[in-house]
Amino acid sequence: MLLAGLRRLANAVALIVAVVLLNFLLIHLAPGDPAVVLAGESGGTSPETLAAIRHAYGLDRPFLTQLLSYLGQVFRGDLGHSYYFDASVTSLIGQRLGPTLLLSVSAMLFALVLGTVLGVSAARRPNGAYGSGITVLSVVGFAMPAFWLGSLLVLLFGLRLGIFPTAGMESPIPQTGFFARMVDIGQHLVLPTVSLGLVYLALYSRTAKASMVDVLGSDYIRTARAKGVGPGIVTFKHAFRNALIPVVTVAGLQTGALLSGAVLVEIVFNWPGLGRLALDSILRRDTPVLLGILVVSSVVVIVANLLTDLTYRLIDPRIRTGVAR
C-alpha cells in the first residue's frame, strides 16, 4: 500500500515537471515579445528601452538558463512575478483560485448527482419513453457549448425574467452578515453552474444509464431477482455501487475539460476566477502569470485523479493497484 502511494506521488511529480517543461517551451515559441508589450504600455519602444526591459525581467538570458531558473522557482513554491500586474504570481492566482474552484466543484456536483440519478432511473426501463427522453436530452445537452448556453441563460433568466444576477460573484454593494453574503453568492452562482454543468450532466447521465443497464443484466442481479428481492433493493443496494465506477472514472478524466470550460463560462459571466486572469495574461503576453495558471491547473487535475483513485476504493474495496481481479 505504501509503495503504491509513493509510486503514485513520484508519477505525479514527474507529470508536473513534464507539464512545466512543455508549457514553458510552447509559450516561448509563441509569437510576440513581452518586452514590446510592456514598452508599449509605458509609451516607449526604443531599442534601449526594450533592452532594459528584457534585462530587468531576465528575458535576455539563454533559453535553457531561463528554463532551469523557472523550474527551481516552481519547486520552491515561487511562480514568479507578473510583468503587467507587478505582483507575485502566487498571490494573483491565490486571489482567483477560490472562485474558480467554487464554480468548478459546484458544476461537478450538480452534473454528477443529477446526471447519475437521471441515468440510473432511466436504466430501469431503458427503452421506455422516460429512458428514451433522457437519451435525447443527453445528446442535446452534450452538443451545446457552455459559453453559448451561458449567453442564452443570461438573456432569459437574467435580462428578460430578472430572476438571477448575470455578472460577478457578489452584488456591487456587498451584503452584510455571513448568511446574507452566502445567499448573494449562491444567487450569482446559479447561472454559471448550470451553464457549465449541463454539458457534463448529459455525459454522466448517458454513462450512468449504460453502466446501470449492463450491471442489471449481470448474473448476480438475475439471481437476486429470482430470490424475490424487490426492484428498489436490486437497483440501489446491489447494482448501484458497481454501476457508479464508470461514472467516477469519467468524472476524474473530465476534470481538465471542466477547468477549461470554466474559463469560458467565467468570461461570459464576468466571474472573478482564473479565466479572466488567463485571458488578460494572454492579451498582455504576461508569461509568468499564464505559466502559473497552467501549473496550478495541472496540479488540480492531478489531485483530482488521485482523489478518483481513492473514491474507487470507497466504492469497491476489492480494487487494488496492480492486483488482478
C-alpha atoms as a PDB file:
ATOM      1  CA  MET A   1       0.000   0.000   0.000  1.00  0.00           C
ATOM      2  CA  LEU A   2       2.766   2.452   0.987  1.00  0.00           C
ATOM      3  CA  LEU A   3       4.839   1.517  -2.049  1.00  0.00           C
ATOM      4  CA  ALA A   4       1.863   2.096  -4.351  1.00  0.00           C
ATOM      5  CA  GLY A   5       1.241   5.501  -2.757  1.00  0.00           C
ATOM      6  CA  LEU A   6       4.879   6.528  -3.188  1.00  0.00           C
ATOM      7  CA  ARG A   7       4.782   5.361  -6.792  1.00  0.00           C
ATOM      8  CA  ARG A   8       1.703   7.496  -7.450  1.00  0.00           C
ATOM      9  CA  LEU A   9       3.356  10.508  -5.813  1.00  0.00           C
ATOM     10  CA  ALA A  10       6.513  10.069  -7.901  1.00  0.00           C
ATOM     11  CA  ASN A  11       4.423   9.794 -11.077  1.00  0.00           C
ATOM     12  CA  ALA A  12       2.537  12.952 -10.123  1.00  0.00           C
ATOM     13  CA  VAL A  13       5.778  14.903  -9.590  1.00  0.00           C
ATOM     14  CA  ALA A  14       7.193  13.655 -12.907  1.00  0.00           C
ATOM     15  CA  LEU A  15       3.987  14.651 -14.670  1.00  0.00           C
ATOM     16  CA  ILE A  16       4.114  18.152 -13.191  1.00  0.00           C
ATOM     17  CA  VAL A  17       7.726  18.539 -14.371  1.00  0.00           C
ATOM     18  CA  ALA A  18       6.733  17.405 -17.876  1.00  0.00           C
ATOM     19  CA  VAL A  19       3.827  19.855 -17.931  1.00  0.00           C
ATOM     20  CA  VAL A  20       6.061  22.732 -16.819  1.00  0.00           C
ATOM     21  CA  LEU A  21       8.662  21.892 -19.474  1.00  0.00           C
ATOM     22  CA  LEU A  22       6.103  21.605 -22.269  1.00  0.00           C
ATOM     23  CA  ASN A  23       4.207  24.756 -21.311  1.00  0.00           C
ATOM     24  CA  PHE A  24       7.418  26.769 -20.947  1.00  0.00           C
ATOM     25  CA  LEU A  25       8.596  25.622 -24.376  1.00  0.00           C
ATOM     26  CA  LEU A  26       5.273  26.272 -26.150  1.00  0.00           C
ATOM     27  CA  ILE A  27       4.778  29.715 -24.634  1.00  0.00           C
ATOM     28  CA  HIS A  28       8.301  30.812 -25.566  1.00  0.00           C
ATOM     29  CA  LEU A  29       7.794  29.518 -29.119  1.00  0.00           C
ATOM     30  CA  ALA A  30       4.582  31.518 -29.485  1.00  0.00           C
ATOM     31  CA  PRO A  31       4.835  34.768 -31.467  1.00  0.00           C
ATOM     32  CA  GLY A  32       5.096  38.043 -29.607  1.00  0.00           C
ATOM     33  CA  ASP A  33       7.565  39.698 -27.275  1.00  0.00           C
ATOM     34  CA  PRO A  34       6.619  40.602 -23.680  1.00  0.00           C
ATOM     35  CA  ALA A  35       9.154  43.432 -23.767  1.00  0.00           C
ATOM     36  CA  VAL A  36       7.330  45.052 -26.702  1.00  0.00           C
ATOM     37  CA  VAL A  37       4.004  44.797 -24.859  1.00  0.00           C
ATOM     38  CA  LEU A  38       5.480  46.307 -21.699  1.00  0.00           C
ATOM     39  CA  ALA A  39       7.232  49.047 -23.638  1.00  0.00           C
ATOM     40  CA  GLY A  40       4.016  49.841 -25.463  1.00  0.00           C
ATOM     41  CA  GLU A  41       2.192  50.177 -22.151  1.00  0.00           C
ATOM     42  CA  SER A  42       4.799  52.653 -20.947  1.00  0.00           C
ATOM     43  CA  GLY A  43       4.759  54.589 -24.218  1.00  0.00           C
ATOM     44  CA  GLY A  44       8.291  53.893 -25.454  1.00  0.00           C
ATOM     45  CA  THR A  45       9.620  51.314 -27.909  1.00  0.00           C
ATOM     46  CA  SER A  46      13.190  52.434 -28.454  1.00  0.00           C
ATOM     47  CA  PRO A  47      15.861  49.697 -28.674  1.00  0.00           C
ATOM     48  CA  GLU A  48      17.383  50.933 -25.435  1.00  0.00           C
ATOM     49  CA  THR A  49      14.027  50.673 -23.636  1.00  0.00           C
ATOM     50  CA  LEU A  50      13.403  47.178 -24.976  1.00  0.00           C
ATOM     51  CA  ALA A  51      16.917  46.067 -23.959  1.00  0.00           C
ATOM     52  CA  ALA A  52      16.450  47.480 -20.463  1.00  0.00           C
ATOM     53  CA  ILE A  53      13.081  45.701 -20.049  1.00  0.00           C
ATOM     54  CA  ARG A  54      14.480  42.382 -21.258  1.00  0.00           C
ATOM     55  CA  HIS A  55      17.405  42.669 -18.872  1.00  0.00           C
ATOM     56  CA  ALA A  56      15.175  43.654 -15.927  1.00  0.00           C
ATOM     57  CA  TYR A  57      12.963  40.601 -16.368  1.00  0.00           C
ATOM     58  CA  GLY A  58      15.705  38.188 -17.410  1.00  0.00           C
ATOM     59  CA  LEU A  59      14.379  37.830 -20.960  1.00  0.00           C
ATOM     60  CA  ASP A  60      17.822  38.344 -22.452  1.00  0.00           C
ATOM     61  CA  ARG A  61      19.231  35.212 -20.809  1.00  0.00           C
ATOM     62  CA  PRO A  62      19.624  31.958 -22.787  1.00  0.00           C
ATOM     63  CA  PHE A  63      16.510  29.803 -23.032  1.00  0.00           C
ATOM     64  CA  LEU A  64      17.975  26.908 -21.030  1.00  0.00           C
ATOM     65  CA  THR A  65      19.040  29.274 -18.241  1.00  0.00           C
ATOM     66  CA  GLN A  66      15.531  30.717 -18.068  1.00  0.00           C
ATOM     67  CA  LEU A  67      14.025  27.222 -18.014  1.00  0.00           C
ATOM     68  CA  LEU A  68      16.248  25.903 -15.217  1.00  0.00           C
ATOM     69  CA  SER A  69      15.693  29.057 -13.200  1.00  0.00           C
ATOM     70  CA  TYR A  70      11.927  28.737 -13.577  1.00  0.00           C
ATOM     71  CA  LEU A  71      11.956  25.060 -12.595  1.00  0.00           C
ATOM     72  CA  GLY A  72      13.871  25.946  -9.441  1.00  0.00           C
ATOM     73  CA  GLN A  73      11.345  28.667  -8.617  1.00  0.00           C
ATOM     74  CA  VAL A  74       8.369  26.338  -9.114  1.00  0.00           C
ATOM     75  CA  PHE A  75       9.729  23.686  -6.760  1.00  0.00           C
ATOM     76  CA  ARG A  76      10.371  26.380  -4.157  1.00  0.00           C
ATOM     77  CA  GLY A  77       6.729  27.402  -4.444  1.00  0.00           C
ATOM     78  CA  ASP A  78       7.536  30.634  -6.290  1.00  0.00           C
ATOM     79  CA  LEU A  79       5.662  31.050  -9.588  1.00  0.00           C
ATOM     80  CA  GLY A  80       7.461  34.268 -10.484  1.00  0.00           C
ATOM     81  CA  HIS A  81       6.486  37.928 -10.810  1.00  0.00           C
ATOM     82  CA  SER A  82       3.843  39.330 -13.146  1.00  0.00           C
ATOM     83  CA  TYR A  83       5.127  41.629 -15.897  1.00  0.00           C
ATOM     84  CA  TYR A  84       1.880  43.555 -16.204  1.00  0.00           C
ATOM     85  CA  PHE A  85       0.312  43.490 -12.729  1.00  0.00           C
ATOM     86  CA  ASP A  86       3.697  43.983 -10.986  1.00  0.00           C
ATOM     87  CA  ALA A  87       2.721  41.494  -8.309  1.00  0.00           C
ATOM     88  CA  SER A  88       3.557  37.967  -7.217  1.00  0.00           C
ATOM     89  CA  VAL A  89       2.007  35.358  -9.496  1.00  0.00           C
ATOM     90  CA  THR A  90       1.276  33.189  -6.469  1.00  0.00           C
ATOM     91  CA  SER A  91      -0.753  35.960  -4.840  1.00  0.00           C
ATOM     92  CA  LEU A  92      -2.624  36.751  -8.074  1.00  0.00           C
ATOM     93  CA  ILE A  93      -3.597  33.110  -8.575  1.00  0.00           C
ATOM     94  CA  GLY A  94      -4.414  32.716  -4.885  1.00  0.00           C
ATOM     95  CA  GLN A  95      -6.963  35.517  -5.163  1.00  0.00           C
ATOM     96  CA  ARG A  96      -8.638  33.943  -8.201  1.00  0.00           C
ATOM     97  CA  LEU A  97      -8.334  30.218  -7.465  1.00  0.00           C
ATOM     98  CA  GLY A  98     -11.110  30.143  -4.850  1.00  0.00           C
ATOM     99  CA  PRO A  99     -13.876  31.439  -7.169  1.00  0.00           C
ATOM    100  CA  THR A 100     -12.777  29.070  -9.950  1.00  0.00           C
ATOM    101  CA  LEU A 101     -12.801  26.055  -7.625  1.00  0.00           C
ATOM    102  CA  LEU A 102     -16.192  27.124  -6.239  1.00  0.00           C
ATOM    103  CA  LEU A 103     -17.662  27.276  -9.739  1.00  0.00           C
ATOM    104  CA  SER A 104     -15.983  24.058 -10.924  1.00  0.00           C
ATOM    105  CA  VAL A 105     -16.914  21.997  -7.852  1.00  0.00           C
ATOM    106  CA  SER A 106     -20.499  23.306  -7.907  1.00  0.00           C
ATOM    107  CA  ALA A 107     -20.863  22.414 -11.581  1.00  0.00           C
ATOM    108  CA  MET A 108     -19.279  18.997 -10.983  1.00  0.00           C
ATOM    109  CA  LEU A 109     -21.602  18.149  -8.084  1.00  0.00           C
ATOM    110  CA  PHE A 110     -24.649  19.437  -9.951  1.00  0.00           C
ATOM    111  CA  ALA A 111     -23.809  17.376 -13.036  1.00  0.00           C
ATOM    112  CA  LEU A 112     -22.620  14.279 -11.194  1.00  0.00           C
ATOM    113  CA  VAL A 113     -25.510  13.950  -8.740  1.00  0.00           C
ATOM    114  CA  LEU A 114     -28.358  14.882 -11.074  1.00  0.00           C
ATOM    115  CA  GLY A 115     -26.850  13.087 -14.080  1.00  0.00           C
ATOM    116  CA  THR A 116     -26.346   9.870 -12.104  1.00  0.00           C
ATOM    117  CA  VAL A 117     -29.886   9.976 -10.706  1.00  0.00           C
ATOM    118  CA  LEU A 118     -31.372  10.519 -14.172  1.00  0.00           C
ATOM    119  CA  GLY A 119     -29.218   7.813 -15.749  1.00  0.00           C
ATOM    120  CA  VAL A 120     -29.905   5.215 -13.057  1.00  0.00           C
ATOM    121  CA  SER A 121     -33.642   5.869 -13.098  1.00  0.00           C
ATOM    122  CA  ALA A 122     -33.694   5.680 -16.909  1.00  0.00           C
ATOM    123  CA  ALA A 123     -31.831   2.344 -16.856  1.00  0.00           C
ATOM    124  CA  ARG A 124     -34.731   0.599 -15.122  1.00  0.00           C
ATOM    125  CA  ARG A 125     -36.755   0.959 -18.343  1.00  0.00           C
ATOM    126  CA  PRO A 126     -34.149   1.921 -20.948  1.00  0.00           C
ATOM    127  CA  ASN A 127     -36.453   1.521 -23.944  1.00  0.00           C
ATOM    128  CA  GLY A 128     -39.422   3.296 -22.412  1.00  0.00           C
ATOM    129  CA  ALA A 129     -40.489   6.873 -23.006  1.00  0.00           C
ATOM    130  CA  TYR A 130     -38.597   8.165 -19.975  1.00  0.00           C
ATOM    131  CA  GLY A 131     -35.370   6.328 -20.829  1.00  0.00           C
ATOM    132  CA  SER A 132     -35.515   7.449 -24.455  1.00  0.00           C
ATOM    133  CA  GLY A 133     -36.227  11.009 -23.368  1.00  0.00           C
ATOM    134  CA  ILE A 134     -33.169  11.023 -21.108  1.00  0.00           C
ATOM    135  CA  THR A 135     -31.060   9.787 -24.025  1.00  0.00           C
ATOM    136  CA  VAL A 136     -32.326  12.544 -26.325  1.00  0.00           C
ATOM    137  CA  LEU A 137     -31.787  15.223 -23.683  1.00  0.00           C
ATOM    138  CA  SER A 138     -28.286  13.882 -23.062  1.00  0.00           C
ATOM    139  CA  VAL A 139     -27.361  14.168 -26.726  1.00  0.00           C
ATOM    140  CA  VAL A 140     -28.776  17.688 -26.966  1.00  0.00           C
ATOM    141  CA  GLY A 141     -27.103  18.797 -23.741  1.00  0.00           C
ATOM    142  CA  PHE A 142     -23.727  17.380 -24.726  1.00  0.00           C
ATOM    143  CA  ALA A 143     -23.893  19.187 -28.077  1.00  0.00           C
ATOM    144  CA  MET A 144     -24.398  22.651 -26.547  1.00  0.00           C
ATOM    145  CA  PRO A 145     -21.227  24.712 -25.935  1.00  0.00           C
ATOM    146  CA  ALA A 146     -21.083  26.031 -22.384  1.00  0.00           C
ATOM    147  CA  PHE A 147     -20.424  29.649 -23.402  1.00  0.00           C
ATOM    148  CA  TRP A 148     -23.372  29.610 -25.850  1.00  0.00           C
ATOM    149  CA  LEU A 149     -25.673  28.121 -23.242  1.00  0.00           C
ATOM    150  CA  GLY A 150     -24.431  30.670 -20.715  1.00  0.00           C
ATOM    151  CA  SER A 151     -25.311  33.514 -23.075  1.00  0.00           C
ATOM    152  CA  LEU A 152     -28.828  32.123 -23.505  1.00  0.00           C
ATOM    153  CA  LEU A 153     -29.274  31.795 -19.751  1.00  0.00           C
ATOM    154  CA  VAL A 154     -28.161  35.397 -19.284  1.00  0.00           C
ATOM    155  CA  LEU A 155     -30.678  36.611 -21.862  1.00  0.00           C
ATOM    156  CA  LEU A 156     -33.574  34.539 -20.496  1.00  0.00           C
ATOM    157  CA  PHE A 157     -33.188  34.330 -16.724  1.00  0.00           C
ATOM    158  CA  GLY A 158     -31.111  37.456 -16.225  1.00  0.00           C
ATOM    159  CA  LEU A 159     -32.209  40.170 -18.642  1.00  0.00           C
ATOM    160  CA  ARG A 160     -35.744  39.105 -19.607  1.00  0.00           C
ATOM    161  CA  LEU A 161     -37.050  37.461 -16.422  1.00  0.00           C
ATOM    162  CA  GLY A 162     -34.688  39.133 -13.962  1.00  0.00           C
ATOM    163  CA  ILE A 163     -34.566  36.074 -11.693  1.00  0.00           C
ATOM    164  CA  PHE A 164     -30.802  35.685 -11.277  1.00  0.00           C
ATOM    165  CA  PRO A 165     -27.819  38.061 -11.426  1.00  0.00           C
ATOM    166  CA  THR A 166     -25.897  37.945 -14.684  1.00  0.00           C
ATOM    167  CA  ALA A 167     -22.384  39.071 -13.774  1.00  0.00           C
ATOM    168  CA  GLY A 168     -19.868  38.881 -10.980  1.00  0.00           C
ATOM    169  CA  MET A 169     -19.691  36.774  -7.857  1.00  0.00           C
ATOM    170  CA  GLU A 170     -21.351  39.247  -5.494  1.00  0.00           C
ATOM    171  CA  SER A 171     -23.572  42.305  -5.685  1.00  0.00           C
ATOM    172  CA  PRO A 172     -21.844  45.681  -6.243  1.00  0.00           C
ATOM    173  CA  ILE A 173     -22.785  46.575  -2.673  1.00  0.00           C
ATOM    174  CA  PRO A 174     -21.595  43.576  -0.587  1.00  0.00           C
ATOM    175  CA  GLN A 175     -24.153  42.058   1.764  1.00  0.00           C
ATOM    176  CA  THR A 176     -23.549  42.379   5.479  1.00  0.00           C
ATOM    177  CA  GLY A 177     -23.630  39.230   7.565  1.00  0.00           C
ATOM    178  CA  PHE A 178     -22.362  35.758   6.740  1.00  0.00           C
ATOM    179  CA  PHE A 179     -25.722  34.223   5.824  1.00  0.00           C
ATOM    180  CA  ALA A 180     -26.807  37.143   3.627  1.00  0.00           C
ATOM    181  CA  ARG A 181     -23.468  37.064   1.804  1.00  0.00           C
ATOM    182  CA  MET A 182     -23.695  33.311   1.193  1.00  0.00           C
ATOM    183  CA  VAL A 183     -27.197  33.734  -0.234  1.00  0.00           C
ATOM    184  CA  ASP A 184     -25.934  36.510  -2.502  1.00  0.00           C
ATOM    185  CA  ILE A 185     -23.014  34.399  -3.756  1.00  0.00           C
ATOM    186  CA  GLY A 186     -25.375  31.438  -4.245  1.00  0.00           C
ATOM    187  CA  GLN A 187     -27.684  33.522  -6.423  1.00  0.00           C
ATOM    188  CA  HIS A 188     -24.763  34.662  -8.568  1.00  0.00           C
ATOM    189  CA  LEU A 189     -23.535  31.047  -8.767  1.00  0.00           C
ATOM    190  CA  VAL A 190     -26.722  29.518 -10.213  1.00  0.00           C
ATOM    191  CA  LEU A 191     -26.437  30.518 -13.880  1.00  0.00           C
ATOM    192  CA  PRO A 192     -22.677  29.825 -14.260  1.00  0.00           C
ATOM    193  CA  THR A 193     -23.105  26.448 -12.541  1.00  0.00           C
ATOM    194  CA  VAL A 194     -25.993  25.397 -14.779  1.00  0.00           C
ATOM    195  CA  SER A 195     -24.316  26.562 -17.997  1.00  0.00           C
ATOM    196  CA  LEU A 196     -21.081  24.727 -17.143  1.00  0.00           C
ATOM    197  CA  GLY A 197     -22.707  21.676 -15.568  1.00  0.00           C
ATOM    198  CA  LEU A 198     -25.379  20.837 -18.158  1.00  0.00           C
ATOM    199  CA  VAL A 199     -22.823  19.576 -20.671  1.00  0.00           C
ATOM    200  CA  TYR A 200     -21.338  17.183 -18.120  1.00  0.00           C
ATOM    201  CA  LEU A 201     -24.767  16.271 -16.747  1.00  0.00           C
ATOM    202  CA  ALA A 202     -25.583  14.916 -20.198  1.00  0.00           C
ATOM    203  CA  LEU A 203     -22.332  12.918 -20.248  1.00  0.00           C
ATOM    204  CA  TYR A 204     -22.809  11.463 -16.745  1.00  0.00           C
ATOM    205  CA  SER A 205     -26.442  10.552 -17.349  1.00  0.00           C
ATOM    206  CA  ARG A 206     -25.548   8.611 -20.504  1.00  0.00           C
ATOM    207  CA  THR A 207     -22.635   6.910 -18.761  1.00  0.00           C
ATOM    208  CA  ALA A 208     -24.736   6.038 -15.701  1.00  0.00           C
ATOM    209  CA  LYS A 209     -27.552   4.684 -17.848  1.00  0.00           C
ATOM    210  CA  ALA A 210     -25.268   2.490 -19.976  1.00  0.00           C
ATOM    211  CA  SER A 211     -23.395   1.214 -16.927  1.00  0.00           C
ATOM    212  CA  MET A 212     -26.580   0.508 -14.988  1.00  0.00           C
ATOM    213  CA  VAL A 213     -28.152  -1.364 -17.909  1.00  0.00           C
ATOM    214  CA  ASP A 214     -25.013  -3.515 -18.139  1.00  0.00           C
ATOM    215  CA  VAL A 215     -24.949  -4.243 -14.393  1.00  0.00           C
ATOM    216  CA  LEU A 216     -28.678  -5.027 -14.259  1.00  0.00           C
ATOM    217  CA  GLY A 217     -28.063  -7.739 -16.849  1.00  0.00           C
ATOM    218  CA  SER A 218     -25.435  -9.464 -14.705  1.00  0.00           C
ATOM    219  CA  ASP A 219     -25.879 -12.957 -13.313  1.00  0.00           C
ATOM    220  CA  TYR A 220     -25.896 -11.903  -9.661  1.00  0.00           C
ATOM    221  CA  ILE A 221     -28.682  -9.411 -10.353  1.00  0.00           C
ATOM    222  CA  ARG A 222     -30.764 -12.096 -12.044  1.00  0.00           C
ATOM    223  CA  THR A 223     -30.118 -14.351  -9.061  1.00  0.00           C
ATOM    224  CA  ALA A 224     -31.255 -11.630  -6.655  1.00  0.00           C
ATOM    225  CA  ARG A 225     -34.439 -11.130  -8.645  1.00  0.00           C
ATOM    226  CA  ALA A 226     -35.050 -14.874  -8.743  1.00  0.00           C
ATOM    227  CA  LYS A 227     -34.885 -14.923  -4.934  1.00  0.00           C
ATOM    228  CA  GLY A 228     -37.663 -12.356  -4.804  1.00  0.00           C
ATOM    229  CA  VAL A 229     -35.614  -9.289  -3.906  1.00  0.00           C
ATOM    230  CA  GLY A 230     -37.556  -6.093  -4.614  1.00  0.00           C
ATOM    231  CA  PRO A 231     -36.633  -3.895  -7.595  1.00  0.00           C
ATOM    232  CA  GLY A 232     -35.617  -0.951  -5.406  1.00  0.00           C
ATOM    233  CA  ILE A 233     -33.206  -3.059  -3.349  1.00  0.00           C
ATOM    234  CA  VAL A 234     -31.813  -4.676  -6.501  1.00  0.00           C
ATOM    235  CA  THR A 235     -31.200  -1.303  -8.109  1.00  0.00           C
ATOM    236  CA  PHE A 236     -29.784   0.732  -5.251  1.00  0.00           C
ATOM    237  CA  LYS A 237     -28.231  -1.886  -2.971  1.00  0.00           C
ATOM    238  CA  HIS A 238     -26.845  -4.494  -5.347  1.00  0.00           C
ATOM    239  CA  ALA A 239     -26.332  -2.724  -8.689  1.00  0.00           C
ATOM    240  CA  PHE A 240     -25.775   0.960  -7.948  1.00  0.00           C
ATOM    241  CA  ARG A 241     -22.297   0.699  -6.406  1.00  0.00           C
ATOM    242  CA  ASN A 242     -20.831  -1.283  -9.310  1.00  0.00           C
ATOM    243  CA  ALA A 243     -22.571   0.924 -11.870  1.00  0.00           C
ATOM    244  CA  LEU A 244     -21.049   4.010 -10.257  1.00  0.00           C
ATOM    245  CA  ILE A 245     -17.434   3.078 -11.062  1.00  0.00           C
ATOM    246  CA  PRO A 246     -17.541   4.111 -14.774  1.00  0.00           C
ATOM    247  CA  VAL A 247     -19.239   7.381 -13.798  1.00  0.00           C
ATOM    248  CA  VAL A 248     -16.464   8.179 -11.314  1.00  0.00           C
ATOM    249  CA  THR A 249     -13.884   7.282 -13.979  1.00  0.00           C
ATOM    250  CA  VAL A 250     -15.427   9.701 -16.475  1.00  0.00           C
ATOM    251  CA  ALA A 251     -15.685  12.407 -13.792  1.00  0.00           C
ATOM    252  CA  GLY A 252     -11.980  12.085 -12.993  1.00  0.00           C
ATOM    253  CA  LEU A 253     -10.999  12.197 -16.661  1.00  0.00           C
ATOM    254  CA  GLN A 254     -13.172  15.249 -17.309  1.00  0.00           C
ATOM    255  CA  THR A 255     -11.557  17.415 -14.629  1.00  0.00           C
ATOM    256  CA  GLY A 256      -9.243  19.120 -17.104  1.00  0.00           C
ATOM    257  CA  ALA A 257     -12.084  19.754 -19.550  1.00  0.00           C
ATOM    258  CA  LEU A 258     -14.172  21.136 -16.693  1.00  0.00           C
ATOM    259  CA  LEU A 259     -11.479  23.664 -15.815  1.00  0.00           C
ATOM    260  CA  SER A 260     -11.078  24.745 -19.434  1.00  0.00           C
ATOM    261  CA  GLY A 261     -14.851  25.087 -19.743  1.00  0.00           C
ATOM    262  CA  ALA A 262     -14.882  27.160 -16.564  1.00  0.00           C
ATOM    263  CA  VAL A 263     -12.510  29.643 -18.233  1.00  0.00           C
ATOM    264  CA  LEU A 264     -15.065  30.386 -20.970  1.00  0.00           C
ATOM    265  CA  VAL A 265     -18.003  30.484 -18.579  1.00  0.00           C
ATOM    266  CA  GLU A 266     -16.149  32.891 -16.280  1.00  0.00           C
ATOM    267  CA  ILE A 267     -15.657  35.278 -19.189  1.00  0.00           C
ATOM    268  CA  VAL A 268     -19.361  35.144 -20.114  1.00  0.00           C
ATOM    269  CA  PHE A 269     -20.491  35.845 -16.544  1.00  0.00           C
ATOM    270  CA  ASN A 270     -17.550  38.096 -15.582  1.00  0.00           C
ATOM    271  CA  TRP A 271     -16.771  35.630 -12.797  1.00  0.00           C
ATOM    272  CA  PRO A 272     -13.651  36.728 -10.869  1.00  0.00           C
ATOM    273  CA  GLY A 273     -11.706  33.499 -11.336  1.00  0.00           C
ATOM    274  CA  LEU A 274      -8.699  32.237 -13.247  1.00  0.00           C
ATOM    275  CA  GLY A 275     -10.496  32.536 -16.587  1.00  0.00           C
ATOM    276  CA  ARG A 276     -10.435  36.336 -16.679  1.00  0.00           C
ATOM    277  CA  LEU A 277      -6.871  36.368 -15.367  1.00  0.00           C
ATOM    278  CA  ALA A 278      -5.788  33.898 -18.071  1.00  0.00           C
ATOM    279  CA  LEU A 279      -7.421  35.985 -20.808  1.00  0.00           C
ATOM    280  CA  ASP A 280      -5.748  39.175 -19.572  1.00  0.00           C
ATOM    281  CA  SER A 281      -2.400  37.352 -19.391  1.00  0.00           C
ATOM    282  CA  ILE A 282      -2.708  36.099 -22.971  1.00  0.00           C
ATOM    283  CA  LEU A 283      -3.642  39.528 -24.332  1.00  0.00           C
ATOM    284  CA  ARG A 284      -0.805  41.226 -22.436  1.00  0.00           C
ATOM    285  CA  ARG A 285       1.776  38.463 -23.035  1.00  0.00           C
ATOM    286  CA  ASP A 286       2.218  38.093 -19.275  1.00  0.00           C
ATOM    287  CA  THR A 287       4.147  34.824 -19.476  1.00  0.00           C
ATOM    288  CA  PRO A 288       4.729  34.220 -15.730  1.00  0.00           C
ATOM    289  CA  VAL A 289       1.021  34.515 -14.906  1.00  0.00           C
ATOM    290  CA  LEU A 290      -0.006  32.278 -17.793  1.00  0.00           C
ATOM    291  CA  LEU A 291       2.588  29.669 -16.848  1.00  0.00           C
ATOM    292  CA  GLY A 292       1.493  29.841 -13.222  1.00  0.00           C
ATOM    293  CA  ILE A 293      -2.150  29.248 -14.177  1.00  0.00           C
ATOM    294  CA  LEU A 294      -1.166  26.238 -16.266  1.00  0.00           C
ATOM    295  CA  VAL A 295       0.950  24.799 -13.450  1.00  0.00           C
ATOM    296  CA  VAL A 296      -1.806  25.251 -10.858  1.00  0.00           C
ATOM    297  CA  SER A 297      -4.424  23.803 -13.223  1.00  0.00           C
ATOM    298  CA  SER A 298      -2.190  20.775 -13.812  1.00  0.00           C
ATOM    299  CA  VAL A 299      -1.808  20.236 -10.078  1.00  0.00           C
ATOM    300  CA  VAL A 300      -5.585  20.457  -9.609  1.00  0.00           C
ATOM    301  CA  VAL A 301      -6.147  17.847 -12.342  1.00  0.00           C
ATOM    302  CA  ILE A 302      -3.522  15.513 -10.857  1.00  0.00           C
ATOM    303  CA  VAL A 303      -5.024  15.849  -7.368  1.00  0.00           C
ATOM    304  CA  ALA A 304      -8.474  15.166  -8.814  1.00  0.00           C
ATOM    305  CA  ASN A 305      -7.191  11.964 -10.424  1.00  0.00           C
ATOM    306  CA  LEU A 306      -5.655  10.859  -7.110  1.00  0.00           C
ATOM    307  CA  LEU A 307      -8.988  11.522  -5.385  1.00  0.00           C
ATOM    308  CA  THR A 308     -10.663   9.456  -8.101  1.00  0.00           C
ATOM    309  CA  ASP A 309      -8.411   6.509  -7.209  1.00  0.00           C
ATOM    310  CA  LEU A 310      -9.355   6.896  -3.544  1.00  0.00           C
ATOM    311  CA  THR A 311     -13.037   7.021  -4.486  1.00  0.00           C
ATOM    312  CA  TYR A 312     -12.618   3.706  -6.306  1.00  0.00           C
ATOM    313  CA  ARG A 313     -11.534   2.143  -3.033  1.00  0.00           C
ATOM    314  CA  LEU A 314     -14.542   3.543  -1.218  1.00  0.00           C
ATOM    315  CA  ILE A 315     -16.927   2.263  -3.867  1.00  0.00           C
ATOM    316  CA  ASP A 316     -15.296  -1.149  -4.274  1.00  0.00           C
ATOM    317  CA  PRO A 317     -12.724  -2.201  -1.617  1.00  0.00           C
ATOM    318  CA  ARG A 318     -11.606  -5.060  -3.885  1.00  0.00           C
ATOM    319  CA  ILE A 319      -9.834  -2.606  -6.160  1.00  0.00           C
ATOM    320  CA  ARG A 320      -6.083  -2.584  -5.547  1.00  0.00           C
ATOM    321  CA  THR A 321      -3.441  -1.122  -7.811  1.00  0.00           C
ATOM    322  CA  GLY A 322      -1.563  -3.787  -9.695  1.00  0.00           C
ATOM    323  CA  VAL A 323      -3.734  -6.636  -8.379  1.00  0.00           C
ATOM    324  CA  ALA A 324      -5.768  -8.600 -10.919  1.00  0.00           C
ATOM    325  CA  ARG A 325      -9.376  -9.302 -10.103  1.00  0.00           C
END
